[in-house]
């Protein structure tokens, strides 16, 4: 049996299949099966399934208990190839790819489906049979030829395979769900917010804080309305541009303390309160819809549910099943290590080759042991903080690690000039892409009046899913050339880190195949595996081995290491 088969769903739950040769063309007759699930289950020797969309096929297989080893997602590959060819934003559907191949009118992509709370991916969506099998194979064969024309064909093929593997992982996580205790969640909300009032109004603690804010201003102020807060401060003789925490906390006024507390609790109430719990948690599981490669950098997002910004206090509700554990693994200083690997800077590779504190090692070499200065310098180089102290820090970094700084400087210059910028494997940043200052604040580099920093969240942080999608989207950000340069500077590092993370997930998924363990959460540089207690030690080892393998596959043989801080816990909040 051929190790690669193309599959297209057919009406009535059936499927058309054909074996493929190394050139992507049919290597045998078309087979028609009355049951898609049975067709896949009956071919366990197939090493890779080629299909239009993982979201179209895989949830149906998972619901029937069928998993596949590998796949090739044609529409995801089309997205990557269009970007590499400088055509990002053109319709990415298989139908659009076929139209381009034949020289016909290109149909627009269908609108993105919004997730319904608690729904499991596309399982219950109306059936969409997509392209006929022959057309799907034609598109696939042409994509193989386009990979050959890429700047680095082998890397591009690896990226496409990794992204398709990520699609499988996302679908499996969507089905598994994150273990969640509704009782613990309700208890946390009661402790934080107090009693709920009838009619859906603000809970007791928020009402009390709102009264304190109003008392401090001497008149009724709605702390949930930024315009009202800005007006109240103006009447008190204090001019502010926004109600962001960093700006408010710099003010000497009695309203500041209750206002900051109100904003923190208000977000929990709105984003992860009782309504969220009712909508998103079913049978002890929280099931957001993870979307692999949901941003231009390759970072994941979720379609609803706010999974990528679960507050620490709410993480107390993430509790393993009885007899099971959560293995929570955080990549240590991932992006600076990625910069070492892609820049091939000898000094930085030497520092990143140790499983020790990278920032401390950098500080010993360039900042007289001042770790805080070293961290700001490295993050400033990646995120584009080149004014004030950032410029001085960058100069010190450039003297000790010239190739690393030159690498991101070159990317920034290319972005400013509107040229294409690529990750190590070939994911491509569109010339028009930029970033908002909101993302910089998430990175821990304030974007206030004296700073020109800005291009994306640092590893280990997370932002609102929808806001993140917008801030990485072409055309959403400022047209200013410097903003594009800062984004491009960050893109080569953050995007390459996302590529590495895909290969990490693929390797970890494969390592867990013979275990009961299941991947249940992934966010930028953090992964959670839910497993029986007796498997926890093996999972920790598997994560370490997967990180090493992903480093070699992504960047080749370098001295750079990608260590993880790993915790085996019953409750997610206890991991950090």
Protein backbone atom coordinates (compact mmCIF):
# COMPACT_ATOMS: atom_id res chain seq x y z
CA UNK A 1 0.00 0.00 0.00
CA UNK A 2 1.25 3.50 -0.86
CA UNK A 3 2.23 5.55 2.15
CA UNK A 4 0.38 8.65 0.91
CA UNK A 5 -3.29 8.82 -0.04
CA UNK A 6 -5.55 11.69 -1.06
CA UNK A 7 -9.05 11.76 0.40
CA UNK A 8 -12.10 13.82 -0.46
CA UNK A 9 -15.39 13.54 1.44
CA UNK A 10 -18.37 12.54 -0.67
CA UNK A 11 -22.07 13.00 -0.17
CA UNK A 12 -23.81 10.74 2.32
CA UNK A 13 -20.76 10.36 4.57
CA UNK A 14 -18.67 8.51 2.00
CA UNK A 15 -15.26 9.29 0.52
CA UNK A 16 -13.19 9.10 -2.63
CA UNK A 17 -9.57 8.04 -2.24
CA UNK A 18 -6.51 7.51 -4.39
CA UNK A 19 -2.93 6.48 -3.72
CA UNK A 20 -0.32 9.10 -4.63
CA UNK A 21 3.16 8.84 -6.06
CA UNK A 22 6.21 10.86 -5.05
CA UNK A 23 5.27 13.51 -7.64
CA UNK A 24 1.87 14.04 -6.01
CA UNK A 25 0.00 12.47 -8.92
CA UNK A 26 -2.30 9.42 -8.71
CA UNK A 27 -0.47 6.09 -8.45
CA UNK A 28 -3.54 3.91 -8.77
CA UNK A 29 -7.30 3.90 -9.45
CA UNK A 30 -9.79 6.05 -7.56
CA UNK A 31 -11.52 4.10 -4.79
CA UNK A 32 -15.03 5.01 -3.66
CA UNK A 33 -15.99 4.08 -0.12
CA UNK A 34 -19.49 4.43 1.40
CA UNK A 35 -18.09 5.41 4.83
CA UNK A 36 -15.27 7.93 5.23
CA UNK A 37 -14.40 6.76 8.75
CA UNK A 38 -14.25 3.12 7.70
CA UNK A 39 -12.12 4.06 4.70
CA UNK A 40 -9.47 5.61 6.93
CA UNK A 41 -9.72 3.01 9.69
CA UNK A 42 -9.24 0.26 7.12
CA UNK A 43 -5.94 1.71 5.90
CA UNK A 44 -3.72 1.87 9.01
CA UNK A 45 -0.59 1.67 6.84
CA UNK A 46 -1.12 5.11 5.29
CA UNK A 47 1.62 7.38 6.64
CA UNK A 48 0.12 10.67 5.42
CA UNK A 49 -3.39 11.63 4.35
CA UNK A 50 -3.78 14.49 1.89
CA UNK A 51 -7.07 16.36 2.28
CA UNK A 52 -8.54 19.77 1.66
CA UNK A 53 -8.95 20.79 5.28
CA UNK A 54 -8.20 19.10 8.58
CA UNK A 55 -11.15 20.91 10.16
CA UNK A 56 -13.39 19.34 7.52
CA UNK A 57 -12.31 15.72 8.01
CA UNK A 58 -10.47 15.09 11.25
CA UNK A 59 -13.17 15.93 13.86
CA UNK A 60 -15.37 13.28 12.24
CA UNK A 61 -12.59 10.73 12.51
CA UNK A 62 -11.81 11.64 16.13
CA UNK A 63 -15.47 11.33 17.10
CA UNK A 64 -15.31 7.73 15.83
CA UNK A 65 -12.07 7.01 17.71
CA UNK A 66 -9.83 7.14 14.63
CA UNK A 67 -6.53 9.03 14.68
CA UNK A 68 -4.09 9.46 11.82
CA UNK A 69 -0.31 9.63 11.99
CA UNK A 70 0.22 12.53 9.60
CA UNK A 71 -1.72 14.68 7.17
CA UNK A 72 -1.19 17.33 4.51
CA UNK A 73 -3.71 20.17 4.76
CA UNK A 74 -4.04 21.61 1.24
CA UNK A 75 -5.65 24.88 2.27
CA UNK A 76 -3.14 25.51 5.03
CA UNK A 77 -0.32 24.80 2.57
CA UNK A 78 -1.90 27.27 0.16
CA UNK A 79 -1.76 29.98 2.83
CA UNK A 80 1.93 29.36 3.46
CA UNK A 81 2.80 29.21 -0.24
CA UNK A 82 0.88 32.38 -1.09
CA UNK A 83 2.72 34.18 1.65
CA UNK A 84 6.08 32.88 0.46
CA UNK A 85 5.27 34.03 -3.07
CA UNK A 86 4.43 37.54 -1.84
CA UNK A 87 0.70 37.07 -2.39
CA UNK A 88 -0.50 36.98 1.21
CA UNK A 89 -4.17 37.89 1.50
CA UNK A 90 -5.28 36.29 -1.77
CA UNK A 91 -8.04 33.68 -1.36
CA UNK A 92 -6.55 30.53 0.19
CA UNK A 93 -9.29 27.96 -0.39
CA UNK A 94 -8.63 24.87 -2.45
CA UNK A 95 -11.24 26.15 -4.91
CA UNK A 96 -9.27 29.39 -5.28
CA UNK A 97 -6.02 27.46 -5.78
CA UNK A 98 -7.69 25.39 -8.49
CA UNK A 99 -9.00 28.53 -10.22
CA UNK A 100 -5.51 30.05 -10.24
CA UNK A 101 -4.10 26.80 -11.61
CA UNK A 102 -6.61 26.81 -14.47
CA UNK A 103 -6.47 30.55 -15.09
CA UNK A 104 -10.12 31.13 -14.21
CA UNK A 105 -11.85 33.66 -11.95
CA UNK A 106 -10.78 33.18 -8.34
CA UNK A 107 -13.63 32.84 -5.83
CA UNK A 108 -13.36 34.68 -2.50
CA UNK A 109 -12.84 32.71 0.68
CA UNK A 110 -15.99 31.92 2.67
CA UNK A 111 -16.44 33.92 5.89
CA UNK A 112 -14.80 32.46 8.98
CA UNK A 113 -17.22 30.57 11.17
CA UNK A 114 -17.64 31.85 14.73
CA UNK A 115 -17.37 29.28 17.47
CA UNK A 116 -20.45 28.48 19.50
CA UNK A 117 -19.67 28.07 23.19
CA UNK A 118 -19.12 24.40 23.98
CA UNK A 119 -19.25 23.30 20.34
CA UNK A 120 -16.64 20.81 19.17
CA UNK A 121 -15.03 22.26 16.08
CA UNK A 122 -16.86 21.56 12.82
CA UNK A 123 -18.41 18.28 13.93
CA UNK A 124 -21.94 19.61 13.76
CA UNK A 125 -21.53 21.97 10.84
CA UNK A 126 -23.39 21.28 7.59
CA UNK A 127 -21.43 18.85 5.44
CA UNK A 128 -19.18 20.48 2.85
CA UNK A 129 -17.78 18.06 0.31
CA UNK A 130 -15.26 20.62 -1.03
CA UNK A 131 -13.36 19.83 -4.23
CA UNK A 132 -13.78 16.63 -6.22
CA UNK A 133 -10.88 14.26 -5.65
CA UNK A 134 -9.33 14.79 -9.08
CA UNK A 135 -9.24 18.55 -8.61
CA UNK A 136 -7.82 18.20 -5.10
CA UNK A 137 -5.00 16.04 -6.43
CA UNK A 138 -4.26 18.56 -9.17
CA UNK A 139 -3.92 21.34 -6.61
CA UNK A 140 -1.74 19.15 -4.39
CA UNK A 141 0.60 18.20 -7.26
CA UNK A 142 0.99 21.86 -8.22
CA UNK A 143 1.76 22.72 -4.61
CA UNK A 144 4.58 20.19 -4.65
CA UNK A 145 6.06 21.98 -7.66
CA UNK A 146 5.66 25.34 -5.91
CA UNK A 147 7.55 24.01 -2.90
CA UNK A 148 10.44 23.20 -5.24
CA UNK A 149 10.52 26.84 -6.35
CA UNK A 150 10.73 28.14 -2.78
CA UNK A 151 13.85 29.94 -1.54
CA UNK A 152 14.77 26.90 0.59
CA UNK A 153 12.60 23.99 -0.67
CA UNK A 154 13.48 21.53 2.11
CA UNK A 155 12.75 24.06 4.83
CA UNK A 156 9.49 25.06 3.20
CA UNK A 157 8.36 21.44 2.94
CA UNK A 158 9.22 20.97 6.61
CA UNK A 159 7.20 24.06 7.53
CA UNK A 160 4.18 22.80 5.61
CA UNK A 161 4.43 19.38 7.25
CA UNK A 162 4.81 20.96 10.69
CA UNK A 163 1.82 23.23 10.22
CA UNK A 164 -0.32 20.29 9.10
CA UNK A 165 0.82 18.38 12.18
CA UNK A 166 -0.25 21.37 14.25
CA UNK A 167 -3.70 21.12 12.70
CA UNK A 168 -3.97 17.52 13.94
CA UNK A 169 -2.81 18.52 17.43
CA UNK A 170 -5.33 21.38 17.57
CA UNK A 171 -8.20 19.12 16.53
CA UNK A 172 -7.21 16.54 19.14
CA UNK A 173 -6.98 19.19 21.86
CA UNK A 174 -10.39 20.52 20.82
CA UNK A 175 -11.83 17.06 21.33
CA UNK A 176 -10.02 16.30 24.59
CA UNK A 177 -10.76 19.60 26.32
CA UNK A 178 -8.95 21.15 29.28
CA UNK A 179 -10.01 19.56 32.62
CA UNK A 180 -12.08 22.13 34.49
CA UNK A 181 -13.82 22.09 37.89
CA UNK A 182 -16.99 24.19 37.75
CA UNK A 183 -17.32 24.00 41.56
CA UNK A 184 -13.84 25.42 42.11
CA UNK A 185 -14.50 28.13 39.54
CA UNK A 186 -17.72 29.21 41.29
CA UNK A 187 -15.92 29.29 44.63
CA UNK A 188 -13.15 31.48 43.20
CA UNK A 189 -15.68 33.89 41.70
CA UNK A 190 -17.54 34.17 44.99
CA UNK A 191 -14.31 34.86 46.90
CA UNK A 192 -13.23 37.53 44.40
CA UNK A 193 -16.50 39.17 43.43
CA UNK A 194 -18.92 38.45 46.23
CA UNK A 195 -22.59 37.72 45.77
CA UNK A 196 -24.34 37.98 42.45
CA UNK A 197 -27.27 40.35 42.23
CA UNK A 198 -30.50 39.43 40.50
CA UNK A 199 -30.90 40.73 36.97
CA UNK A 200 -27.27 40.28 35.94
CA UNK A 201 -25.91 43.46 37.48
CA UNK A 202 -22.42 43.88 38.83
CA UNK A 203 -21.59 41.60 41.77
CA UNK A 204 -21.17 43.04 45.26
CA UNK A 205 -17.40 43.67 45.24
CA UNK A 206 -17.48 45.53 41.91
CA UNK A 207 -20.36 47.67 43.14
CA UNK A 208 -18.37 48.53 46.29
CA UNK A 209 -15.29 49.49 44.28
CA UNK A 210 -17.39 51.59 41.90
CA UNK A 211 -18.72 53.49 44.92
CA UNK A 212 -15.15 54.04 46.18
CA UNK A 213 -14.09 55.43 42.80
CA UNK A 214 -17.08 57.78 42.74
CA UNK A 215 -16.40 58.92 46.30
CA UNK A 216 -12.79 59.71 45.41
CA UNK A 217 -13.92 61.94 42.55
CA UNK A 218 -16.79 63.50 44.50
CA UNK A 219 -19.37 62.55 41.88
CA UNK A 220 -20.84 59.48 40.24
CA UNK A 221 -18.30 57.89 37.85
CA UNK A 222 -18.72 54.72 35.81
CA UNK A 223 -15.33 52.94 36.14
CA UNK A 224 -16.30 50.53 33.34
CA UNK A 225 -16.48 53.45 30.88
CA UNK A 226 -13.00 54.77 29.93
CA UNK A 227 -14.40 58.06 28.62
CA UNK A 228 -16.11 58.72 31.95
CA UNK A 229 -12.88 57.98 33.87
CA UNK A 230 -10.77 60.23 31.61
CA UNK A 231 -13.32 63.03 32.03
CA UNK A 232 -13.32 62.62 35.82
CA UNK A 233 -9.54 62.87 35.98
CA UNK A 234 -9.62 65.92 33.68
CA UNK A 235 -12.09 67.64 36.03
CA UNK A 236 -9.62 66.87 38.84
CA UNK A 237 -6.89 68.63 36.84
CA UNK A 238 -5.16 65.44 35.63
CA UNK A 239 -4.85 64.76 31.91
CA UNK A 240 -4.57 61.13 30.80
CA UNK A 241 -4.76 59.65 27.32
CA UNK A 242 -6.13 56.24 28.28
CA UNK A 243 -7.16 54.12 31.24
CA UNK A 244 -4.35 51.62 30.76
CA UNK A 245 -2.95 50.43 34.05
CA UNK A 246 0.61 51.68 33.46
CA UNK A 247 -0.70 55.20 32.90
CA UNK A 248 -3.20 55.22 35.76
CA UNK A 249 -0.75 53.84 38.32
CA UNK A 250 1.60 56.78 37.71
CA UNK A 251 -1.06 59.18 39.03
CA UNK A 252 -1.28 60.40 42.61
CA UNK A 253 -5.03 60.36 43.26
CA UNK A 254 -7.25 58.49 45.76
CA UNK A 255 -9.31 56.98 42.92
CA UNK A 256 -6.34 55.08 41.49
CA UNK A 257 -6.24 52.15 43.92
CA UNK A 258 -9.96 51.20 43.74
CA UNK A 259 -9.98 51.89 39.99
CA UNK A 260 -7.09 49.52 39.29
CA UNK A 261 -8.70 46.84 41.48
CA UNK A 262 -12.05 47.40 39.77
CA UNK A 263 -10.54 46.99 36.31
CA UNK A 264 -8.83 43.73 37.29
CA UNK A 265 -11.96 42.20 38.81
CA UNK A 266 -14.23 43.58 36.08
CA UNK A 267 -12.20 41.77 33.44
CA UNK A 268 -12.47 38.50 35.36
CA UNK A 269 -16.23 38.97 35.73
CA UNK A 270 -16.73 39.72 32.03
CA UNK A 271 -14.17 37.33 30.52
CA UNK A 272 -14.31 34.36 32.92
CA UNK A 273 -17.33 34.94 35.14
CA UNK A 274 -20.49 32.95 35.74
CA UNK A 275 -21.81 33.46 32.22
CA UNK A 276 -18.55 32.25 30.71
CA UNK A 277 -18.61 29.17 32.94
CA UNK A 278 -22.16 28.35 31.87
CA UNK A 279 -21.34 28.81 28.19
CA UNK A 280 -17.95 27.13 27.86
CA UNK A 281 -17.58 24.32 30.41
CA UNK A 282 -19.35 21.02 29.76
CA UNK A 283 -18.93 17.72 31.60
CA UNK A 284 -15.75 18.82 33.34
CA UNK A 285 -14.01 20.14 30.23
CA UNK A 286 -13.33 23.56 28.74
CA UNK A 287 -13.27 23.24 24.96
CA UNK A 288 -12.15 26.34 23.10
CA UNK A 289 -11.47 25.90 19.42
CA UNK A 290 -7.69 26.06 18.98
CA UNK A 291 -6.63 27.40 15.59
CA UNK A 292 -3.09 26.45 14.60
CA UNK A 293 -1.29 29.22 12.74
CA UNK A 294 -4.09 31.67 13.44
CA UNK A 295 -1.79 34.70 13.12
CA UNK A 296 0.65 35.83 10.47
CA UNK A 297 3.54 34.94 12.81
CA UNK A 298 2.28 31.37 13.13
CA UNK A 299 1.19 31.75 16.72
CA UNK A 300 -2.02 30.00 17.69
CA UNK A 301 -5.28 31.65 18.65
CA UNK A 302 -8.61 30.31 19.81
CA UNK A 303 -11.97 30.92 18.20
CA UNK A 304 -13.82 32.06 21.30
CA UNK A 305 -13.50 31.27 24.99
CA UNK A 306 -10.43 33.39 25.78
CA UNK A 307 -8.30 30.29 26.38
CA UNK A 308 -5.03 32.12 25.79
CA UNK A 309 -5.55 34.54 28.66
CA UNK A 310 -6.76 32.51 31.60
CA UNK A 311 -5.92 34.62 34.69
CA UNK A 312 -3.75 32.94 37.30
CA UNK A 313 -6.49 33.04 39.90
CA UNK A 314 -8.94 31.32 37.52
CA UNK A 315 -6.34 28.62 36.78
CA UNK A 316 -7.29 27.18 40.16
CA UNK A 317 -10.30 25.71 38.35
CA UNK A 318 -8.07 23.72 35.98
CA UNK A 319 -7.87 20.48 37.95
CA UNK A 320 -6.69 17.07 36.77
CA UNK A 321 -9.03 14.08 36.90
CA UNK A 322 -8.70 11.81 39.96
CA UNK A 323 -5.53 9.75 39.65
CA UNK A 324 -4.26 11.98 36.84
CA UNK A 325 -1.83 14.89 36.74
CA UNK A 326 -1.19 17.99 34.66
CA UNK A 327 2.34 18.22 33.27
CA UNK A 328 2.83 21.95 32.68
CA UNK A 329 5.93 22.83 30.66
CA UNK A 330 7.24 26.33 29.89
CA UNK A 331 10.06 26.89 27.42
CA UNK A 332 12.77 28.90 29.14
CA UNK A 333 13.65 32.17 27.40
CA UNK A 334 12.61 30.69 24.09
CA UNK A 335 12.83 33.70 21.79
CA UNK A 336 16.40 34.76 22.69
CA UNK A 337 17.46 31.15 22.14
CA UNK A 338 15.73 31.17 18.77
CA UNK A 339 17.57 34.40 17.90
CA UNK A 340 20.84 32.63 18.67
CA UNK A 341 19.91 29.72 16.39
CA UNK A 342 18.75 31.79 13.40
CA UNK A 343 21.51 34.42 13.58
CA UNK A 344 24.30 31.85 14.10
CA UNK A 345 25.98 34.37 16.39
CA UNK A 346 28.84 32.39 18.00
CA UNK A 347 28.73 34.22 21.32
CA UNK A 348 24.96 34.05 21.72
CA UNK A 349 24.89 30.40 20.62
CA UNK A 350 27.46 29.62 23.30
CA UNK A 351 25.29 31.35 25.93
CA UNK A 352 22.12 29.66 24.63
CA UNK A 353 23.86 26.28 24.63
CA UNK A 354 23.61 26.12 28.39
CA UNK A 355 20.52 25.09 30.29
CA UNK A 356 21.01 28.02 32.64
CA UNK A 357 19.62 31.53 32.91
CA UNK A 358 20.36 33.07 29.51
CA UNK A 359 19.82 36.64 30.67
CA UNK A 360 22.28 36.21 33.53
CA UNK A 361 24.87 34.82 31.11
CA UNK A 362 24.35 37.78 28.77
CA UNK A 363 24.64 40.19 31.68
CA UNK A 364 27.94 38.64 32.75
CA UNK A 365 29.34 39.23 29.26
CA UNK A 366 27.94 42.64 28.39
CA UNK A 367 26.25 44.35 31.35
CA UNK A 368 28.55 43.87 34.34
CA UNK A 369 26.25 41.27 35.86
CA UNK A 370 23.11 43.43 35.69
CA UNK A 371 20.52 40.82 34.68
CA UNK A 372 17.65 43.30 34.43
CA UNK A 373 19.60 45.44 31.95
CA UNK A 374 20.55 42.38 29.93
CA UNK A 375 16.94 41.23 29.69
CA UNK A 376 15.77 44.67 28.58
CA UNK A 377 18.55 44.78 25.98
CA UNK A 378 17.72 41.37 24.49
CA UNK A 379 13.97 42.01 24.44
CA UNK A 380 14.58 45.51 23.10
CA UNK A 381 16.58 44.07 20.21
CA UNK A 382 13.78 41.62 19.40
CA UNK A 383 10.89 44.04 19.89
CA UNK A 384 12.46 47.21 18.57
CA UNK A 385 12.99 49.40 21.62
CA UNK A 386 15.64 51.69 20.10
CA UNK A 387 15.15 54.96 21.96
CA UNK A 388 16.42 56.21 25.32
CA UNK A 389 18.06 53.50 27.40
CA UNK A 390 17.05 50.99 24.74
CA UNK A 391 19.52 52.52 22.29
CA UNK A 392 22.37 52.37 24.82
CA UNK A 393 21.50 48.77 25.72
CA UNK A 394 21.37 47.81 22.05
CA UNK A 395 24.83 49.27 21.46
CA UNK A 396 26.26 47.18 24.31
CA UNK A 397 24.54 44.09 22.95
CA UNK A 398 25.84 44.78 19.45
CA UNK A 399 29.42 44.91 20.67
CA UNK A 400 29.23 41.43 22.23
CA UNK A 401 26.75 39.73 19.89
CA UNK A 402 27.12 41.53 16.54
CA UNK A 403 25.61 38.86 14.28
CA UNK A 404 22.50 38.49 16.44
CA UNK A 405 21.77 42.22 16.44
CA UNK A 406 22.60 42.52 12.73
CA UNK A 407 20.10 39.74 11.96
CA UNK A 408 17.14 41.59 13.48
CA UNK A 409 18.43 44.94 12.20
CA UNK A 410 18.43 43.54 8.65
CA UNK A 411 14.90 42.25 9.11
CA UNK A 412 13.75 45.63 10.39
CA UNK A 413 15.34 47.38 7.41
CA UNK A 414 13.64 44.97 5.01
CA UNK A 415 10.31 45.61 6.70
CA UNK A 416 10.75 49.37 6.49
CA UNK A 417 11.53 49.06 2.77
CA UNK A 418 8.47 46.90 2.12
CA UNK A 419 10.43 43.75 1.28
CA UNK A 420 9.40 40.22 2.24
CA UNK A 421 10.79 38.88 5.51
CA UNK A 422 10.88 35.15 6.32
CA UNK A 423 11.27 32.90 9.31
CA UNK A 424 14.03 30.31 9.28
CA UNK A 425 11.72 27.72 7.69
CA UNK A 426 10.11 30.14 5.24
CA UNK A 427 6.95 31.53 6.81
CA UNK A 428 6.68 34.97 5.24
CA UNK A 429 5.74 38.34 6.69
CA UNK A 430 3.66 40.42 4.26
CA UNK A 431 5.21 43.77 3.31
CA UNK A 432 2.23 45.68 4.73
CA UNK A 433 2.24 43.98 8.14
CA UNK A 434 2.76 46.00 11.28
CA UNK A 435 1.82 45.95 14.93
CA UNK A 436 -0.07 48.05 17.41
CA UNK A 437 1.45 49.41 20.58
CA UNK A 438 -0.99 47.28 22.60
CA UNK A 439 1.12 44.25 21.80
CA UNK A 440 4.28 45.88 23.09
CA UNK A 441 2.80 46.51 26.50
CA UNK A 442 2.06 42.78 26.73
CA UNK A 443 5.76 42.16 26.09
CA UNK A 444 6.73 44.01 29.25
CA UNK A 445 8.18 46.91 27.27
CA UNK A 446 5.95 49.92 28.04
CA UNK A 447 4.74 51.78 24.99
CA UNK A 448 4.14 55.06 26.77
CA UNK A 449 4.97 58.53 25.50
CA UNK A 450 8.77 58.12 25.81
CA UNK A 451 9.00 54.73 24.14
CA UNK A 452 8.96 53.70 20.50
CA UNK A 453 8.99 50.03 21.32
CA UNK A 454 6.61 47.57 20.02
CA UNK A 455 6.01 44.43 18.07
CA UNK A 456 4.40 41.61 19.95
CA UNK A 457 3.79 39.65 23.10
CA UNK A 458 6.82 38.13 24.78
CA UNK A 459 6.91 34.43 25.42
CA UNK A 460 4.96 33.46 28.48
CA UNK A 461 2.37 36.22 28.16
CA UNK A 462 -0.89 36.20 26.31
CA UNK A 463 -3.39 38.69 25.04
CA UNK A 464 -7.01 38.73 24.03
CA UNK A 465 -7.47 36.21 21.21
CA UNK A 466 -9.31 38.54 18.85
CA UNK A 467 -7.05 41.51 19.58
CA UNK A 468 -3.99 39.38 18.91
CA UNK A 469 -5.39 38.23 15.58
CA UNK A 470 -5.94 41.83 14.57
CA UNK A 471 -2.59 43.13 15.75
CA UNK A 472 -0.74 40.60 13.60
CA UNK A 473 -3.00 41.06 10.59
CA UNK A 474 -1.81 42.90 7.48
CA UNK A 475 -3.58 46.17 6.95
CA UNK A 476 -4.74 46.50 10.55
CA UNK A 477 -1.67 48.27 11.91
CA UNK A 478 -0.11 51.61 11.18
CA UNK A 479 1.29 52.25 7.71
CA UNK A 480 4.31 53.92 9.28
CA UNK A 481 7.51 52.38 7.92
CA UNK A 482 9.15 52.24 11.34
CA UNK A 483 6.20 50.31 12.74
CA UNK A 484 6.57 47.83 9.88
CA UNK A 485 10.26 47.59 10.64
CA UNK A 486 9.64 46.84 14.31
CA UNK A 487 7.14 44.18 13.34
CA UNK A 488 9.53 42.56 10.87
CA UNK A 489 12.32 42.62 13.47
CA UNK A 490 10.11 40.67 15.82
CA UNK A 491 8.60 38.48 13.12
CA UNK A 492 11.81 36.66 12.23
CA UNK A 493 12.25 35.63 15.87
CA UNK A 494 8.69 35.09 17.00
CA UNK A 495 7.72 33.38 13.75
CA UNK A 496 10.75 31.07 13.88
CA UNK A 497 9.84 30.27 17.49
CA UNK A 498 6.33 29.37 16.34
CA UNK A 499 7.79 27.08 13.67
CA UNK A 500 9.94 25.36 16.31
CA UNK A 501 6.93 24.98 18.59
CA UNK A 502 4.99 23.18 15.84
CA UNK A 503 7.75 20.58 15.53
CA UNK A 504 7.87 20.29 19.31
CA UNK A 505 4.13 19.53 19.39
CA UNK A 506 4.44 17.02 16.56
CA UNK A 507 7.26 15.18 18.33
CA UNK A 508 5.45 15.24 21.69
CA UNK A 509 2.23 14.01 20.09
CA UNK A 510 4.09 11.09 18.58
CA UNK A 511 5.81 10.29 21.89
CA UNK A 512 2.42 10.14 23.64
CA UNK A 513 0.93 7.75 21.08
CA UNK A 514 1.46 4.66 23.25
CA UNK A 515 0.35 6.37 26.46
CA UNK A 516 -2.98 7.45 27.87
CA UNK A 517 -1.53 10.97 28.07
CA UNK A 518 -3.20 13.66 25.97
CA UNK A 519 -2.19 17.17 24.97
CA UNK A 520 -4.85 19.54 26.29
CA UNK A 521 -3.41 23.06 26.04
CA UNK A 522 -0.84 25.04 24.07
CA UNK A 523 0.05 28.72 24.22
CA UNK A 524 3.12 30.17 22.46
CA UNK A 525 5.77 28.57 24.67
CA UNK A 526 3.69 26.57 27.12
CA UNK A 527 2.16 23.12 26.77
CA UNK A 528 0.00 21.11 29.15
CA UNK A 529 -0.32 17.34 29.03
CA UNK A 530 -3.04 15.55 31.03
CA UNK A 531 -1.89 12.06 32.00
CA UNK A 532 -2.25 9.29 34.59
CA UNK A 533 0.01 9.94 37.57
CA UNK A 534 2.19 6.95 36.71
CA UNK A 535 2.93 8.39 33.26
CA UNK A 536 3.99 11.85 34.47
CA UNK A 537 7.71 11.09 34.63
CA UNK A 538 7.67 9.66 31.11
CA UNK A 539 5.81 12.73 29.83
CA UNK A 540 8.40 15.07 31.38
CA UNK A 541 11.15 13.13 29.63
CA UNK A 542 9.19 13.16 26.37
CA UNK A 543 8.88 16.95 26.50
CA UNK A 544 12.62 17.33 26.98
CA UNK A 545 13.39 14.96 24.10
CA UNK A 546 10.79 16.60 21.84
CA UNK A 547 12.34 20.03 22.47
CA UNK A 548 15.81 18.77 21.51
CA UNK A 549 14.49 17.05 18.38
CA UNK A 550 12.49 20.12 17.34
CA UNK A 551 15.61 22.27 17.71
CA UNK A 552 17.64 19.99 15.43
CA UNK A 553 14.89 19.64 12.84
CA UNK A 554 14.12 23.35 12.72
CA UNK A 555 17.57 24.93 12.90
CA UNK A 556 19.97 22.13 12.09
CA UNK A 557 22.89 21.17 14.29
CA UNK A 558 23.67 24.09 16.59
CA UNK A 559 24.84 24.24 20.21
CA UNK A 560 21.58 26.01 21.17
CA UNK A 561 19.41 24.21 23.71
CA UNK A 562 15.73 24.72 24.45
CA UNK A 563 15.19 23.76 28.09
CA UNK A 564 11.79 23.62 29.78
CA UNK A 565 10.66 24.38 33.29
CA UNK A 566 8.27 21.53 34.01
CA UNK A 567 5.83 21.03 36.88
CA UNK A 568 3.72 17.98 37.65
CA UNK A 569 0.63 19.23 39.49
CA UNK A 570 -3.00 18.47 40.18
CA UNK A 571 -4.00 22.12 39.72
CA UNK A 572 -2.75 24.43 36.95
CA UNK A 573 -2.38 27.38 39.34
CA UNK A 574 0.22 25.43 41.33
CA UNK A 575 2.56 25.19 38.32
CA UNK A 576 3.73 28.82 38.53
